[in-house]
């Protein structure tokens, strides 16, 4: 189910997984609206896992790292997990250097991430 489309992202709810398709660079301005809307969806309930799709992101600054970590913490306390997909070279380097891959899973596609996260629901 498609939830909303904004300038920098659109959202899709698949079972108890929220997929966030980031469609622009993640800087301070983009992060503010993404944080508010995604937190509202998570707080409304029935969301356990997050998938961030980075196919269209060429740049991410420290506010993007903060966004990912904050949403990770929200779903972690619900017993959920966070994944990223289709990460380009520049963002991949930022994730590696920041240590985000130690807590966030990386998959090639959104479908692969959803399959693995939903499989963990059955355990």
Protein backbone atom coordinates (compact mmCIF):
# COMPACT_ATOMS: atom_id res chain seq x y z
CA UNK A 1 0.00 0.00 0.00
CA UNK A 2 1.49 3.36 -1.05
CA UNK A 3 1.17 5.79 1.86
CA UNK A 4 2.36 9.18 0.67
CA UNK A 5 4.65 10.79 -1.80
CA UNK A 6 6.83 13.77 -0.93
CA UNK A 7 9.59 15.60 -2.75
CA UNK A 8 12.44 13.57 -1.22
CA UNK A 9 10.80 10.22 -0.50
CA UNK A 10 7.79 8.00 -0.75
CA UNK A 11 6.63 5.30 1.59
CA UNK A 12 5.17 1.84 1.18
CA UNK A 13 3.75 -0.44 3.86
CA UNK A 14 4.29 -4.16 3.23
CA UNK A 15 2.92 -6.21 6.11
CA UNK A 16 4.65 -4.83 9.19
CA UNK A 17 7.57 -3.40 7.19
CA UNK A 18 7.78 0.27 6.25
CA UNK A 19 9.76 0.84 3.04
CA UNK A 20 11.11 4.35 2.62
CA UNK A 21 12.21 5.15 -0.92
CA UNK A 22 14.55 8.11 -0.61
CA UNK A 23 14.40 9.96 -3.93
CA UNK A 24 16.87 12.77 -3.30
CA UNK A 25 20.08 13.44 -1.41
CA UNK A 26 19.84 13.18 2.37
CA UNK A 27 20.81 16.51 3.85
CA UNK A 28 19.41 18.53 6.75
CA UNK A 29 16.40 19.83 4.82
CA UNK A 30 15.29 16.43 3.49
CA UNK A 31 15.87 14.71 6.83
CA UNK A 32 13.52 16.96 8.79
CA UNK A 33 10.38 16.03 6.89
CA UNK A 34 11.40 12.39 6.51
CA UNK A 35 11.99 12.09 10.28
CA UNK A 36 8.64 13.62 11.21
CA UNK A 37 6.56 11.59 8.80
CA UNK A 38 8.30 8.25 9.37
CA UNK A 39 8.14 8.68 13.16
CA UNK A 40 4.40 9.34 12.87
CA UNK A 41 3.94 6.13 10.90
CA UNK A 42 6.04 4.09 13.34
CA UNK A 43 4.30 5.58 16.39
CA UNK A 44 0.88 4.82 14.88
CA UNK A 45 1.67 1.13 15.35
CA UNK A 46 1.88 -2.08 13.34
CA UNK A 47 5.34 -1.24 11.96
CA UNK A 48 8.14 -3.46 13.17
CA UNK A 49 10.81 -3.25 10.46
CA UNK A 50 12.23 -0.50 8.24
CA UNK A 51 13.79 -0.66 4.80
CA UNK A 52 15.48 2.42 3.35
CA UNK A 53 15.96 2.28 -0.43
CA UNK A 54 18.88 4.47 -1.56
CA UNK A 55 18.74 3.85 -5.33
CA UNK A 56 18.37 7.58 -6.09
CA UNK A 57 20.65 8.98 -3.38
CA UNK A 58 24.06 10.30 -4.39
CA UNK A 59 24.92 12.22 -1.22
CA UNK A 60 24.25 11.91 2.48
CA UNK A 61 25.62 14.09 5.27
CA UNK A 62 25.73 13.55 9.04
CA UNK A 63 22.05 14.40 9.41
CA UNK A 64 21.30 11.39 7.20
CA UNK A 65 23.33 9.19 9.53
CA UNK A 66 21.36 10.59 12.47
CA UNK A 67 18.09 9.90 10.68
CA UNK A 68 19.00 6.25 10.05
CA UNK A 69 20.25 5.72 13.62
CA UNK A 70 17.18 7.34 15.17
CA UNK A 71 14.72 5.22 13.17
CA UNK A 72 16.86 2.13 13.88
CA UNK A 73 16.53 2.78 17.62
CA UNK A 74 12.76 3.24 17.35
CA UNK A 75 12.16 -0.12 15.66
CA UNK A 76 14.84 -1.91 17.69
CA UNK A 77 12.82 -1.17 20.85
CA UNK A 78 9.82 -2.76 19.10
CA UNK A 79 11.85 -5.90 18.41
CA UNK A 80 12.36 -4.94 14.77
CA UNK A 81 15.26 -4.55 12.39
CA UNK A 82 16.41 -1.96 9.87
CA UNK A 83 17.82 -2.58 6.40
CA UNK A 84 19.12 -0.54 3.49
CA UNK A 85 19.00 -1.43 -0.19
CA UNK A 86 20.53 -0.32 -3.47
CA UNK A 87 23.24 1.76 -1.79
CA UNK A 88 25.55 3.61 -4.19
CA UNK A 89 29.31 3.95 -3.78
CA UNK A 90 29.31 7.34 -2.03
CA UNK A 91 26.63 6.42 0.52
CA UNK A 92 28.16 2.95 0.96
CA UNK A 93 31.44 4.59 1.96
CA UNK A 94 29.63 6.77 4.51
CA UNK A 95 27.82 3.74 5.96
CA UNK A 96 31.09 1.81 6.18
CA UNK A 97 33.10 4.62 7.78
CA UNK A 98 30.34 5.49 10.25
CA UNK A 99 29.93 1.89 11.36
CA UNK A 100 26.23 1.77 10.44
CA UNK A 101 26.65 -1.66 8.84
CA UNK A 102 27.38 -3.05 12.29
CA UNK A 103 23.72 -2.47 13.24
CA UNK A 104 21.91 -2.17 9.90
CA UNK A 105 21.60 -4.90 7.30
CA UNK A 106 22.38 -4.28 3.62
CA UNK A 107 20.55 -5.99 0.75
CA UNK A 108 20.69 -5.63 -3.01
CA UNK A 109 16.94 -5.15 -3.49
CA UNK A 110 13.88 -4.09 -1.51
CA UNK A 111 12.29 -7.47 -2.25
CA UNK A 112 15.27 -9.34 -0.77
CA UNK A 113 15.21 -7.18 2.36
CA UNK A 114 11.46 -7.67 2.82
CA UNK A 115 11.80 -11.41 2.40
CA UNK A 116 14.52 -11.65 5.06
CA UNK A 117 12.76 -9.32 7.52
CA UNK A 118 9.42 -11.07 7.16
CA UNK A 119 11.13 -14.44 7.56
CA UNK A 120 12.44 -13.24 10.94
CA UNK A 121 8.82 -12.60 12.01
CA UNK A 122 8.10 -16.33 11.81
CA UNK A 123 10.87 -17.34 14.20
